[in-house]
Structures are given as structure tokens and as C-alpha cells.
PDB file of N, CA and C in Angstrom:
ATOM      1  N   UNK A   1      16.344  11.326  -1.683  1.00  0.00           N
ATOM      2  CA  UNK A   1      16.071  11.692  -3.054  1.00  0.00           C
ATOM      3  C   UNK A   1      16.249  10.484  -3.977  1.00  0.00           C
ATOM      4  N   UNK A   2      17.296   9.683  -3.749  1.00  0.00           N
ATOM      5  CA  UNK A   2      17.508   8.492  -4.566  1.00  0.00           C
ATOM      6  C   UNK A   2      16.344   7.515  -4.409  1.00  0.00           C
ATOM      7  N   UNK A   3      15.837   7.388  -3.171  1.00  0.00           N
ATOM      8  CA  UNK A   3      14.704   6.489  -2.932  1.00  0.00           C
ATOM      9  C   UNK A   3      13.472   6.961  -3.694  1.00  0.00           C
ATOM     10  N   UNK A   4      13.266   8.272  -3.756  1.00  0.00           N
ATOM     11  CA  UNK A   4      12.120   8.816  -4.492  1.00  0.00           C
ATOM     12  C   UNK A   4      12.228   8.507  -5.984  1.00  0.00           C
ATOM     13  N   UNK A   5      13.427   8.638  -6.535  1.00  0.00           N
ATOM     14  CA  UNK A   5      13.638   8.328  -7.955  1.00  0.00           C
ATOM     15  C   UNK A   5      13.401   6.850  -8.228  1.00  0.00           C
ATOM     16  N   UNK A   6      13.873   5.993  -7.343  1.00  0.00           N
ATOM     17  CA  UNK A   6      13.665   4.556  -7.495  1.00  0.00           C
ATOM     18  C   UNK A   6      12.186   4.218  -7.406  1.00  0.00           C
ATOM     19  N   UNK A   7      11.497   4.834  -6.461  1.00  0.00           N
ATOM     20  CA  UNK A   7      10.057   4.594  -6.299  1.00  0.00           C
ATOM     21  C   UNK A   7       9.303   5.028  -7.559  1.00  0.00           C
ATOM     22  N   UNK A   8       9.661   6.177  -8.122  1.00  0.00           N
ATOM     23  CA  UNK A   8       9.025   6.643  -9.360  1.00  0.00           C
ATOM     24  C   UNK A   8       9.244   5.655 -10.495  1.00  0.00           C
ATOM     25  N   UNK A   9      10.446   5.128 -10.598  1.00  0.00           N
ATOM     26  CA  UNK A   9      10.768   4.151 -11.648  1.00  0.00           C
ATOM     27  C   UNK A   9       9.948   2.871 -11.451  1.00  0.00           C
ATOM     28  N   UNK A  10       9.850   2.409 -10.222  1.00  0.00           N
ATOM     29  CA  UNK A  10       9.085   1.199  -9.917  1.00  0.00           C
ATOM     30  C   UNK A  10       7.614   1.393 -10.278  1.00  0.00           C
ATOM     31  N   UNK A  11       7.084   2.574  -9.994  1.00  0.00           N
ATOM     32  CA  UNK A  11       5.662   2.843 -10.192  1.00  0.00           C
ATOM     33  C   UNK A  11       5.328   3.317 -11.599  1.00  0.00           C
ATOM     34  N   UNK A  12       6.311   3.441 -12.458  1.00  0.00           N
ATOM     35  CA  UNK A  12       6.099   3.917 -13.829  1.00  0.00           C
ATOM     36  C   UNK A  12       4.991   3.155 -14.580  1.00  0.00           C
ATOM     37  N   UNK A  13       4.893   1.824 -14.476  1.00  0.00           N
ATOM     38  CA  UNK A  13       3.823   1.106 -15.191  1.00  0.00           C
ATOM     39  C   UNK A  13       2.415   1.549 -14.795  1.00  0.00           C
ATOM     40  N   UNK A  14       2.268   2.135 -13.601  1.00  0.00           N
ATOM     41  CA  UNK A  14       0.946   2.587 -13.166  1.00  0.00           C
ATOM     42  C   UNK A  14       0.441   3.768 -13.982  1.00  0.00           C
ATOM     43  N   UNK A  15       1.305   4.416 -14.723  1.00  0.00           N
ATOM     44  CA  UNK A  15       0.873   5.492 -15.612  1.00  0.00           C
ATOM     45  C   UNK A  15       0.152   4.925 -16.836  1.00  0.00           C
ATOM     46  N   UNK A  16       0.549   3.731 -17.254  1.00  0.00           N
ATOM     47  CA  UNK A  16      -0.070   3.091 -18.428  1.00  0.00           C
ATOM     48  C   UNK A  16      -1.268   2.231 -18.040  1.00  0.00           C
ATOM     49  N   UNK A  17      -1.163   1.572 -16.931  1.00  0.00           N
ATOM     50  CA  UNK A  17      -2.206   0.672 -16.441  1.00  0.00           C
ATOM     51  C   UNK A  17      -2.428   1.019 -14.969  1.00  0.00           C
ATOM     52  N   UNK A  18      -3.370   1.936 -14.668  1.00  0.00           N
ATOM     53  CA  UNK A  18      -3.440   2.552 -13.341  1.00  0.00           C
ATOM     54  C   UNK A  18      -4.059   1.704 -12.234  1.00  0.00           C
ATOM     55  N   UNK A  19      -4.499   0.497 -12.525  1.00  0.00           N
ATOM     56  CA  UNK A  19      -5.172  -0.308 -11.509  1.00  0.00           C
ATOM     57  C   UNK A  19      -4.149  -1.051 -10.664  1.00  0.00           C
ATOM     58  N   UNK A  20      -4.430  -1.152  -9.367  1.00  0.00           N
ATOM     59  CA  UNK A  20      -3.484  -1.786  -8.462  1.00  0.00           C
ATOM     60  C   UNK A  20      -4.210  -2.365  -7.255  1.00  0.00           C
ATOM     61  N   UNK A  21      -3.512  -3.222  -6.543  1.00  0.00           N
ATOM     62  CA  UNK A  21      -3.981  -3.751  -5.273  1.00  0.00           C
ATOM     63  C   UNK A  21      -3.025  -3.290  -4.192  1.00  0.00           C
ATOM     64  N   UNK A  22      -3.536  -3.177  -2.984  1.00  0.00           N
ATOM     65  CA  UNK A  22      -2.727  -2.750  -1.852  1.00  0.00           C
ATOM     66  C   UNK A  22      -2.438  -3.952  -0.971  1.00  0.00           C
ATOM     67  N   UNK A  23      -1.199  -4.073  -0.578  1.00  0.00           N
ATOM     68  CA  UNK A  23      -0.772  -5.087   0.385  1.00  0.00           C
ATOM     69  C   UNK A  23      -0.249  -4.315   1.590  1.00  0.00           C
ATOM     70  N   UNK A  24      -0.867  -4.517   2.740  1.00  0.00           N
ATOM     71  CA  UNK A  24      -0.476  -3.777   3.937  1.00  0.00           C
ATOM     72  C   UNK A  24      -0.282  -4.729   5.103  1.00  0.00           C
ATOM     73  N   UNK A  25       0.700  -4.423   5.924  1.00  0.00           N
ATOM     74  CA  UNK A  25       0.968  -5.222   7.123  1.00  0.00           C
ATOM     75  C   UNK A  25       1.549  -4.296   8.177  1.00  0.00           C
ATOM     76  N   UNK A  26       1.131  -4.482   9.406  1.00  0.00           N
ATOM     77  CA  UNK A  26       1.670  -3.646  10.465  1.00  0.00           C
ATOM     78  C   UNK A  26       2.472  -4.494  11.434  1.00  0.00           C
ATOM     79  N   UNK A  27       3.457  -3.847  12.020  1.00  0.00           N
ATOM     80  CA  UNK A  27       4.336  -4.512  12.976  1.00  0.00           C
ATOM     81  C   UNK A  27       4.763  -3.487  14.012  1.00  0.00           C
ATOM     82  N   UNK A  28       5.116  -3.964  15.183  1.00  0.00           N
ATOM     83  CA  UNK A  28       5.618  -3.073  16.222  1.00  0.00           C
ATOM     84  C   UNK A  28       7.134  -3.099  16.203  1.00  0.00           C
ATOM     85  N   UNK A  29       7.709  -1.928  16.053  1.00  0.00           N
ATOM     86  CA  UNK A  29       9.158  -1.769  16.160  1.00  0.00           C
ATOM     87  C   UNK A  29       9.471  -1.758  17.653  1.00  0.00           C
ATOM     88  N   UNK A  30      10.013  -2.875  18.155  1.00  0.00           N
ATOM     89  CA  UNK A  30      10.221  -3.010  19.587  1.00  0.00           C
ATOM     90  C   UNK A  30      11.283  -2.062  20.130  1.00  0.00           C
ATOM     91  N   UNK A  31      12.257  -1.709  19.311  1.00  0.00           N
ATOM     92  CA  UNK A  31      13.301  -0.809  19.814  1.00  0.00           C
ATOM     93  C   UNK A  31      12.772   0.623  19.962  1.00  0.00           C
ATOM     94  N   UNK A  32      11.856   1.015  19.103  1.00  0.00           N
ATOM     95  CA  UNK A  32      11.301   2.364  19.172  1.00  0.00           C
ATOM     96  C   UNK A  32       9.891   2.399  19.720  1.00  0.00           C
ATOM     97  N   UNK A  33       9.335   1.213  20.015  1.00  0.00           N
ATOM     98  CA  UNK A  33       7.960   1.099  20.497  1.00  0.00           C
ATOM     99  C   UNK A  33       6.998   1.885  19.600  1.00  0.00           C
ATOM    100  N   UNK A  34       7.109   1.653  18.290  1.00  0.00           N
ATOM    101  CA  UNK A  34       6.320   2.366  17.288  1.00  0.00           C
ATOM    102  C   UNK A  34       5.617   1.360  16.382  1.00  0.00           C
ATOM    103  N   UNK A  35       4.335   1.587  16.121  1.00  0.00           N
ATOM    104  CA  UNK A  35       3.587   0.761  15.175  1.00  0.00           C
ATOM    105  C   UNK A  35       3.877   1.256  13.767  1.00  0.00           C
ATOM    106  N   UNK A  36       4.293   0.348  12.896  1.00  0.00           N
ATOM    107  CA  UNK A  36       4.664   0.708  11.528  1.00  0.00           C
ATOM    108  C   UNK A  36       3.832  -0.113  10.551  1.00  0.00           C
ATOM    109  N   UNK A  37       3.315   0.543   9.525  1.00  0.00           N
ATOM    110  CA  UNK A  37       2.533  -0.119   8.483  1.00  0.00           C
ATOM    111  C   UNK A  37       3.370  -0.142   7.203  1.00  0.00           C
ATOM    112  N   UNK A  38       3.630  -1.323   6.690  1.00  0.00           N
ATOM    113  CA  UNK A  38       4.313  -1.401   5.397  1.00  0.00           C
ATOM    114  C   UNK A  38       3.254  -1.317   4.314  1.00  0.00           C
ATOM    115  N   UNK A  39       3.544  -0.546   3.285  1.00  0.00           N
ATOM    116  CA  UNK A  39       2.592  -0.265   2.211  1.00  0.00           C
ATOM    117  C   UNK A  39       3.223  -0.739   0.901  1.00  0.00           C
ATOM    118  N   UNK A  40       2.644  -1.784   0.331  1.00  0.00           N
ATOM    119  CA  UNK A  40       3.147  -2.353  -0.916  1.00  0.00           C
ATOM    120  C   UNK A  40       2.032  -2.318  -1.954  1.00  0.00           C
ATOM    121  N   UNK A  41       2.418  -2.349  -3.207  1.00  0.00           N
ATOM    122  CA  UNK A  41       1.454  -2.373  -4.303  1.00  0.00           C
ATOM    123  C   UNK A  41       1.675  -3.605  -5.162  1.00  0.00           C
ATOM    124  N   UNK A  42       0.608  -4.122  -5.688  1.00  0.00           N
ATOM    125  CA  UNK A  42       0.639  -5.203  -6.673  1.00  0.00           C
ATOM    126  C   UNK A  42      -0.038  -4.655  -7.920  1.00  0.00           C
ATOM    127  N   UNK A  43       0.647  -4.748  -9.059  1.00  0.00           N
ATOM    128  CA  UNK A  43       0.109  -4.151 -10.276  1.00  0.00           C
ATOM    129  C   UNK A  43       0.661  -4.881 -11.494  1.00  0.00           C
ATOM    130  N   UNK A  44       0.063  -4.599 -12.622  1.00  0.00           N
ATOM    131  CA  UNK A  44       0.467  -5.221 -13.869  1.00  0.00           C
ATOM    132  C   UNK A  44       1.430  -4.302 -14.605  1.00  0.00           C
ATOM    133  N   UNK A  45       2.595  -4.838 -14.945  1.00  0.00           N
ATOM    134  CA  UNK A  45       3.549  -4.109 -15.777  1.00  0.00           C
ATOM    135  C   UNK A  45       3.253  -4.542 -17.203  1.00  0.00           C
ATOM    136  N   UNK A  46       2.569  -3.681 -17.932  1.00  0.00           N
ATOM    137  CA  UNK A  46       2.136  -4.055 -19.278  1.00  0.00           C
ATOM    138  C   UNK A  46       3.220  -3.721 -20.301  1.00  0.00           C
ATOM    139  N   UNK A  47       4.336  -4.361 -20.134  1.00  0.00           N
ATOM    140  CA  UNK A  47       5.436  -4.214 -21.090  1.00  0.00           C
ATOM    141  C   UNK A  47       4.908  -4.587 -22.469  1.00  0.00           C
ATOM    142  N   UNK A  48       5.347  -3.890 -23.533  1.00  0.00           N
ATOM    143  CA  UNK A  48       4.795  -4.150 -24.875  1.00  0.00           C
ATOM    144  C   UNK A  48       4.885  -5.608 -25.327  1.00  0.00           C
ATOM    145  N   UNK A  49       5.905  -6.330 -24.907  1.00  0.00           N
ATOM    146  CA  UNK A  49       6.059  -7.705 -25.384  1.00  0.00           C
ATOM    147  C   UNK A  49       5.429  -8.745 -24.465  1.00  0.00           C
ATOM    148  N   UNK A  50       5.369  -8.461 -23.180  1.00  0.00           N
ATOM    149  CA  UNK A  50       4.758  -9.409 -22.253  1.00  0.00           C
ATOM    150  C   UNK A  50       4.331  -8.698 -20.980  1.00  0.00           C
ATOM    151  N   UNK A  51       3.363  -9.287 -20.284  1.00  0.00           N
ATOM    152  CA  UNK A  51       2.846  -8.701 -19.052  1.00  0.00           C
ATOM    153  C   UNK A  51       3.480  -9.405 -17.859  1.00  0.00           C
ATOM    154  N   UNK A  52       3.783  -8.636 -16.838  1.00  0.00           N
ATOM    155  CA  UNK A  52       4.318  -9.178 -15.602  1.00  0.00           C
ATOM    156  C   UNK A  52       3.548  -8.591 -14.427  1.00  0.00           C
ATOM    157  N   UNK A  53       3.228  -9.415 -13.459  1.00  0.00           N
ATOM    158  CA  UNK A  53       2.643  -8.922 -12.227  1.00  0.00           C
ATOM    159  C   UNK A  53       3.797  -8.526 -11.320  1.00  0.00           C
ATOM    160  N   UNK A  54       3.747  -7.299 -10.822  1.00  0.00           N
ATOM    161  CA  UNK A  54       4.788  -6.761  -9.953  1.00  0.00           C
ATOM    162  C   UNK A  54       4.225  -6.548  -8.559  1.00  0.00           C
ATOM    163  N   UNK A  55       5.033  -6.810  -7.565  1.00  0.00           N
ATOM    164  CA  UNK A  55       4.733  -6.446  -6.189  1.00  0.00           C
ATOM    165  C   UNK A  55       5.910  -5.641  -5.697  1.00  0.00           C
ATOM    166  N   UNK A  56       5.644  -4.467  -5.168  1.00  0.00           N
ATOM    167  CA  UNK A  56       6.732  -3.583  -4.763  1.00  0.00           C
ATOM    168  C   UNK A  56       6.416  -2.886  -3.450  1.00  0.00           C
ATOM    169  N   UNK A  57       7.410  -2.854  -2.578  1.00  0.00           N
ATOM    170  CA  UNK A  57       7.313  -2.043  -1.373  1.00  0.00           C
ATOM    171  C   UNK A  57       7.380  -0.584  -1.800  1.00  0.00           C
ATOM    172  N   UNK A  58       6.486   0.246  -1.247  1.00  0.00           N
ATOM    173  CA  UNK A  58       6.430   1.654  -1.622  1.00  0.00           C
ATOM    174  C   UNK A  58       6.831   2.571  -0.465  1.00  0.00           C
ATOM    175  N   UNK A  59       6.331   2.290   0.738  1.00  0.00           N
ATOM    176  CA  UNK A  59       6.587   3.222   1.834  1.00  0.00           C
ATOM    177  C   UNK A  59       6.187   2.600   3.167  1.00  0.00           C
ATOM    178  N   UNK A  60       6.558   3.286   4.232  1.00  0.00           N
ATOM    179  CA  UNK A  60       6.092   2.963   5.570  1.00  0.00           C
ATOM    180  C   UNK A  60       5.133   4.045   6.024  1.00  0.00           C
ATOM    181  N   UNK A  61       4.126   3.635   6.802  1.00  0.00           N
ATOM    182  CA  UNK A  61       3.246   4.586   7.471  1.00  0.00           C
ATOM    183  C   UNK A  61       3.368   4.346   8.961  1.00  0.00           C
ATOM    184  N   UNK A  62       3.237   5.376   9.739  1.00  0.00           N
ATOM    185  CA  UNK A  62       3.371   5.250  11.185  1.00  0.00           C
ATOM    186  C   UNK A  62       2.006   5.390  11.827  1.00  0.00           C
ATOM    187  N   UNK A  63       1.705   4.466  12.722  1.00  0.00           N
ATOM    188  CA  UNK A  63       0.391   4.400  13.355  1.00  0.00           C
ATOM    189  C   UNK A  63       0.494   4.786  14.825  1.00  0.00           C
ATOM    190  N   UNK A  64      -0.395   5.641  15.282  1.00  0.00           N
ATOM    191  CA  UNK A  64      -0.447   5.965  16.701  1.00  0.00           C
ATOM    192  C   UNK A  64      -1.243   4.907  17.454  1.00  0.00           C
ATOM    193  N   UNK A  65      -2.161   4.254  16.734  1.00  0.00           N
ATOM    194  CA  UNK A  65      -3.010   3.216  17.304  1.00  0.00           C
ATOM    195  C   UNK A  65      -3.337   2.241  16.169  1.00  0.00           C
ATOM    196  N   UNK A  66      -3.640   0.998  16.491  1.00  0.00           N
ATOM    197  CA  UNK A  66      -3.835  -0.004  15.441  1.00  0.00           C
ATOM    198  C   UNK A  66      -5.300  -0.380  15.229  1.00  0.00           C
ATOM    199  N   UNK A  67      -6.172   0.578  15.332  1.00  0.00           N
ATOM    200  CA  UNK A  67      -7.578   0.306  15.028  1.00  0.00           C
ATOM    201  C   UNK A  67      -7.754   0.238  13.515  1.00  0.00           C
ATOM    202  N   UNK A  68      -8.835  -0.352  13.080  1.00  0.00           N
ATOM    203  CA  UNK A  68      -9.099  -0.434  11.640  1.00  0.00           C
ATOM    204  C   UNK A  68      -9.201   0.958  11.021  1.00  0.00           C
ATOM    205  N   UNK A  69      -9.772   1.902  11.747  1.00  0.00           N
ATOM    206  CA  UNK A  69      -9.905   3.266  11.238  1.00  0.00           C
ATOM    207  C   UNK A  69      -8.534   3.913  11.058  1.00  0.00           C
ATOM    208  N   UNK A  70      -7.640   3.719  12.008  1.00  0.00           N
ATOM    209  CA  UNK A  70      -6.293   4.300  11.920  1.00  0.00           C
ATOM    210  C   UNK A  70      -5.511   3.684  10.761  1.00  0.00           C
ATOM    211  N   UNK A  71      -5.633   2.366  10.601  1.00  0.00           N
ATOM    212  CA  UNK A  71      -4.948   1.695   9.492  1.00  0.00           C
ATOM    213  C   UNK A  71      -5.510   2.197   8.160  1.00  0.00           C
ATOM    214  N   UNK A  72      -6.833   2.274   8.046  1.00  0.00           N
ATOM    215  CA  UNK A  72      -7.460   2.749   6.809  1.00  0.00           C
ATOM    216  C   UNK A  72      -7.046   4.189   6.508  1.00  0.00           C
ATOM    217  N   UNK A  73      -7.045   5.045   7.516  1.00  0.00           N
ATOM    218  CA  UNK A  73      -6.642   6.446   7.303  1.00  0.00           C
ATOM    219  C   UNK A  73      -5.196   6.532   6.824  1.00  0.00           C
ATOM    220  N   UNK A  74      -4.321   5.715   7.382  1.00  0.00           N
ATOM    221  CA  UNK A  74      -2.913   5.719   6.974  1.00  0.00           C
ATOM    222  C   UNK A  74      -2.781   5.238   5.533  1.00  0.00           C
ATOM    223  N   UNK A  75      -3.542   4.232   5.161  1.00  0.00           N
ATOM    224  CA  UNK A  75      -3.516   3.749   3.777  1.00  0.00           C
ATOM    225  C   UNK A  75      -3.995   4.848   2.824  1.00  0.00           C
ATOM    226  N   UNK A  76      -5.091   5.529   3.180  1.00  0.00           N
ATOM    227  CA  UNK A  76      -5.580   6.637   2.350  1.00  0.00           C
ATOM    228  C   UNK A  76      -4.508   7.714   2.199  1.00  0.00           C
ATOM    229  N   UNK A  77      -3.825   8.042   3.296  1.00  0.00           N
ATOM    230  CA  UNK A  77      -2.771   9.058   3.260  1.00  0.00           C
ATOM    231  C   UNK A  77      -1.632   8.634   2.334  1.00  0.00           C
ATOM    232  N   UNK A  78      -1.230   7.364   2.406  1.00  0.00           N
ATOM    233  CA  UNK A  78      -0.130   6.876   1.577  1.00  0.00           C
ATOM    234  C   UNK A  78      -0.516   6.836   0.096  1.00  0.00           C
ATOM    235  N   UNK A  79      -1.751   6.463  -0.188  1.00  0.00           N
ATOM    236  CA  UNK A  79      -2.228   6.464  -1.578  1.00  0.00           C
ATOM    237  C   UNK A  79      -2.149   7.884  -2.135  1.00  0.00           C
ATOM    238  N   UNK A  80      -2.639   8.845  -1.363  1.00  0.00           N
ATOM    239  CA  UNK A  80      -2.616  10.240  -1.793  1.00  0.00           C
ATOM    240  C   UNK A  80      -1.179  10.761  -1.907  1.00  0.00           C
ATOM    241  N   UNK A  81      -0.345  10.445  -0.931  1.00  0.00           N
ATOM    242  CA  UNK A  81       1.048  10.910  -0.917  1.00  0.00           C
ATOM    243  C   UNK A  81       1.789  10.502  -2.183  1.00  0.00           C
ATOM    244  N   UNK A  82       1.481   9.314  -2.697  1.00  0.00           N
ATOM    245  CA  UNK A  82       2.207   8.798  -3.855  1.00  0.00           C
ATOM    246  C   UNK A  82       1.471   9.031  -5.172  1.00  0.00           C
ATOM    247  N   UNK A  83       0.490   9.927  -5.148  1.00  0.00           N
ATOM    248  CA  UNK A  83      -0.173  10.353  -6.375  1.00  0.00           C
ATOM    249  C   UNK A  83      -1.045   9.299  -7.017  1.00  0.00           C
ATOM    250  N   UNK A  84      -1.550   8.377  -6.219  1.00  0.00           N
ATOM    251  CA  UNK A  84      -2.416   7.317  -6.733  1.00  0.00           C
ATOM    252  C   UNK A  84      -3.873   7.699  -6.524  1.00  0.00           C
ATOM    253  N   UNK A  85      -4.747   7.118  -7.314  1.00  0.00           N
ATOM    254  CA  UNK A  85      -6.182   7.367  -7.206  1.00  0.00           C
ATOM    255  C   UNK A  85      -6.822   6.179  -6.505  1.00  0.00           C
ATOM    256  N   UNK A  86      -7.426   6.422  -5.361  1.00  0.00           N
ATOM    257  CA  UNK A  86      -8.043   5.347  -4.577  1.00  0.00           C
ATOM    258  C   UNK A  86      -9.128   4.629  -5.379  1.00  0.00           C
ATOM    259  N   UNK A  87      -9.700   5.293  -6.386  1.00  0.00           N
ATOM    260  CA  UNK A  87     -10.717   4.668  -7.228  1.00  0.00           C
ATOM    261  C   UNK A  87     -10.139   3.551  -8.095  1.00  0.00           C
ATOM    262  N   UNK A  88      -8.819   3.508  -8.229  1.00  0.00           N
ATOM    263  CA  UNK A  88      -8.170   2.474  -9.046  1.00  0.00           C
ATOM    264  C   UNK A  88      -7.766   1.237  -8.256  1.00  0.00           C
ATOM    265  N   UNK A  89      -8.083   1.204  -6.986  1.00  0.00           N
ATOM    266  CA  UNK A  89      -7.765   0.028  -6.166  1.00  0.00           C
ATOM    267  C   UNK A  89      -8.692  -1.113  -6.562  1.00  0.00           C
ATOM    268  N   UNK A  90      -8.103  -2.260  -6.831  1.00  0.00           N
ATOM    269  CA  UNK A  90      -8.882  -3.441  -7.229  1.00  0.00           C
ATOM    270  C   UNK A  90      -8.798  -4.564  -6.218  1.00  0.00           C
ATOM    271  N   UNK A  91      -8.031  -4.364  -5.154  1.00  0.00           N
ATOM    272  CA  UNK A  91      -7.941  -5.389  -4.129  1.00  0.00           C
ATOM    273  C   UNK A  91      -7.146  -4.897  -2.937  1.00  0.00           C
ATOM    274  N   UNK A  92      -7.422  -5.501  -1.786  1.00  0.00           N
ATOM    275  CA  UNK A  92      -6.707  -5.199  -0.553  1.00  0.00           C
ATOM    276  C   UNK A  92      -6.247  -6.511   0.063  1.00  0.00           C
ATOM    277  N   UNK A  93      -5.063  -6.501   0.609  1.00  0.00           N
ATOM    278  CA  UNK A  93      -4.536  -7.697   1.248  1.00  0.00           C
ATOM    279  C   UNK A  93      -3.933  -7.311   2.588  1.00  0.00           C
ATOM    280  N   UNK A  94      -4.381  -7.998   3.616  1.00  0.00           N
ATOM    281  CA  UNK A  94      -3.855  -7.793   4.961  1.00  0.00           C
ATOM    282  C   UNK A  94      -3.391  -9.146   5.481  1.00  0.00           C
ATOM    283  N   UNK A  95      -2.768  -9.144   6.631  1.00  0.00           N
ATOM    284  CA  UNK A  95      -2.246 -10.388   7.184  1.00  0.00           C
ATOM    285  C   UNK A  95      -3.271 -11.130   8.034  1.00  0.00           C
ATOM    286  N   UNK A  96      -4.527 -10.865   7.820  1.00  0.00           N
ATOM    287  CA  UNK A  96      -5.565 -11.524   8.614  1.00  0.00           C
ATOM    288  C   UNK A  96      -5.796 -10.817   9.931  1.00  0.00           C
ATOM    289  N   UNK A  97      -5.336  -9.588  10.035  1.00  0.00           N
ATOM    290  CA  UNK A  97      -5.469  -8.825  11.270  1.00  0.00           C
ATOM    291  C   UNK A  97      -6.929  -8.682  11.665  1.00  0.00           C
ATOM    292  N   UNK A  98      -7.212  -8.978  12.913  1.00  0.00           N
ATOM    293  CA  UNK A  98      -8.595  -8.893  13.376  1.00  0.00           C
ATOM    294  C   UNK A  98      -9.128  -7.473  13.302  1.00  0.00           C
ATOM    295  N   UNK A  99      -8.243  -6.479  13.428  1.00  0.00           N
ATOM    296  CA  UNK A  99      -8.720  -5.090  13.366  1.00  0.00           C
ATOM    297  C   UNK A  99      -9.247  -4.731  11.987  1.00  0.00           C
ATOM    298  N   UNK A 100      -8.853  -5.461  10.945  1.00  0.00           N
ATOM    299  CA  UNK A 100      -9.305  -5.157   9.591  1.00  0.00           C
ATOM    300  C   UNK A 100     -10.456  -6.052   9.144  1.00  0.00           C
ATOM    301  N   UNK A 101     -10.908  -6.936   9.987  1.00  0.00           N
ATOM    302  CA  UNK A 101     -11.995  -7.821   9.585  1.00  0.00           C
ATOM    303  C   UNK A 101     -13.273  -7.547  10.376  1.00  0.00           C
ATOM    304  N   UNK A 102     -13.330  -6.435  11.039  1.00  0.00           N
ATOM    305  CA  UNK A 102     -14.493  -6.086  11.822  1.00  0.00           C
ATOM    306  C   UNK A 102     -15.675  -5.684  10.975  1.00  0.00           C
ATOM    307  N   UNK A 103     -16.814  -5.575  11.604  1.00  0.00           N
ATOM    308  CA  UNK A 103     -18.063  -5.249  10.913  1.00  0.00           C
ATOM    309  C   UNK A 103     -17.998  -3.906  10.204  1.00  0.00           C
ATOM    310  N   UNK A 104     -17.339  -2.894  10.766  1.00  0.00           N
ATOM    311  CA  UNK A 104     -17.295  -1.565  10.176  1.00  0.00           C
ATOM    312  C   UNK A 104     -16.410  -1.507   8.937  1.00  0.00           C
ATOM    313  N   UNK A 105     -15.573  -2.502   8.732  1.00  0.00           N
ATOM    314  CA  UNK A 105     -14.646  -2.469   7.593  1.00  0.00           C
ATOM    315  C   UNK A 105     -15.216  -3.168   6.377  1.00  0.00           C
ATOM    316  N   UNK A 106     -16.305  -3.861   6.524  1.00  0.00           N
ATOM    317  CA  UNK A 106     -16.861  -4.597   5.395  1.00  0.00           C
ATOM    318  C   UNK A 106     -17.544  -3.664   4.427  1.00  0.00           C
ATOM    319  N   UNK A 107     -17.333  -3.914   3.146  1.00  0.00           N
ATOM    320  CA  UNK A 107     -17.944  -3.054   2.134  1.00  0.00           C
ATOM    321  C   UNK A 107     -19.382  -3.433   1.894  1.00  0.00           C
TER     322      UNK A 107
END
């Protein structure tokens, strides 16, 4: 519950300026043999006196497989879970993963 309150506070600027970029990276948890996707947001905190670019970790997603489709589906799920509108995404950032640079992923 405390984490949810902190996450809401971190994401508060998105109510005023709803555009954001997604930063995602996946890693294998070797102790649990589980693929985990970290889901971070980059957005503008339009404080009345000055603007700041914020980057914040938001959540983890769990992947059964690391195909581009599975990663994309997990990102869509996390966007929806946190009450964000996918239409407000202005950028995506990955770690250069080959699964995300395939022909089917290009817009």
C-alpha cells in the first residue's frame, strides 16, 4: 500500500502534462529463473516555477517468454494497470534488445 501511494505521488505530474516516454529493460532473475521487465517512465514535471524531466521506476512485469510480442503485451498491460493512456506515449527506449528491433515491431 505504501508503494502504491509513493507511485501515485511520483506520477502526479502526469495529470497536468500527460505525455510520457517508456523505458523498458528485461533481465533474467537467475535465482527464480524468471524473466522480469522493468517499466520506467520519463516525463516532464511542469512545476509552476520551473520544468524538470523526471525518470521514475514504476513497476515490474513478468514475462513467460521474451519475444517482442510478449514484451509489447506486458508494456500495454502495465500502461493500463497504472491508468495511463497509450496514446500519450511519445517515445520508447529499450536496451537495444534484438527482440524489439525486428521487422514486426517497426511502426
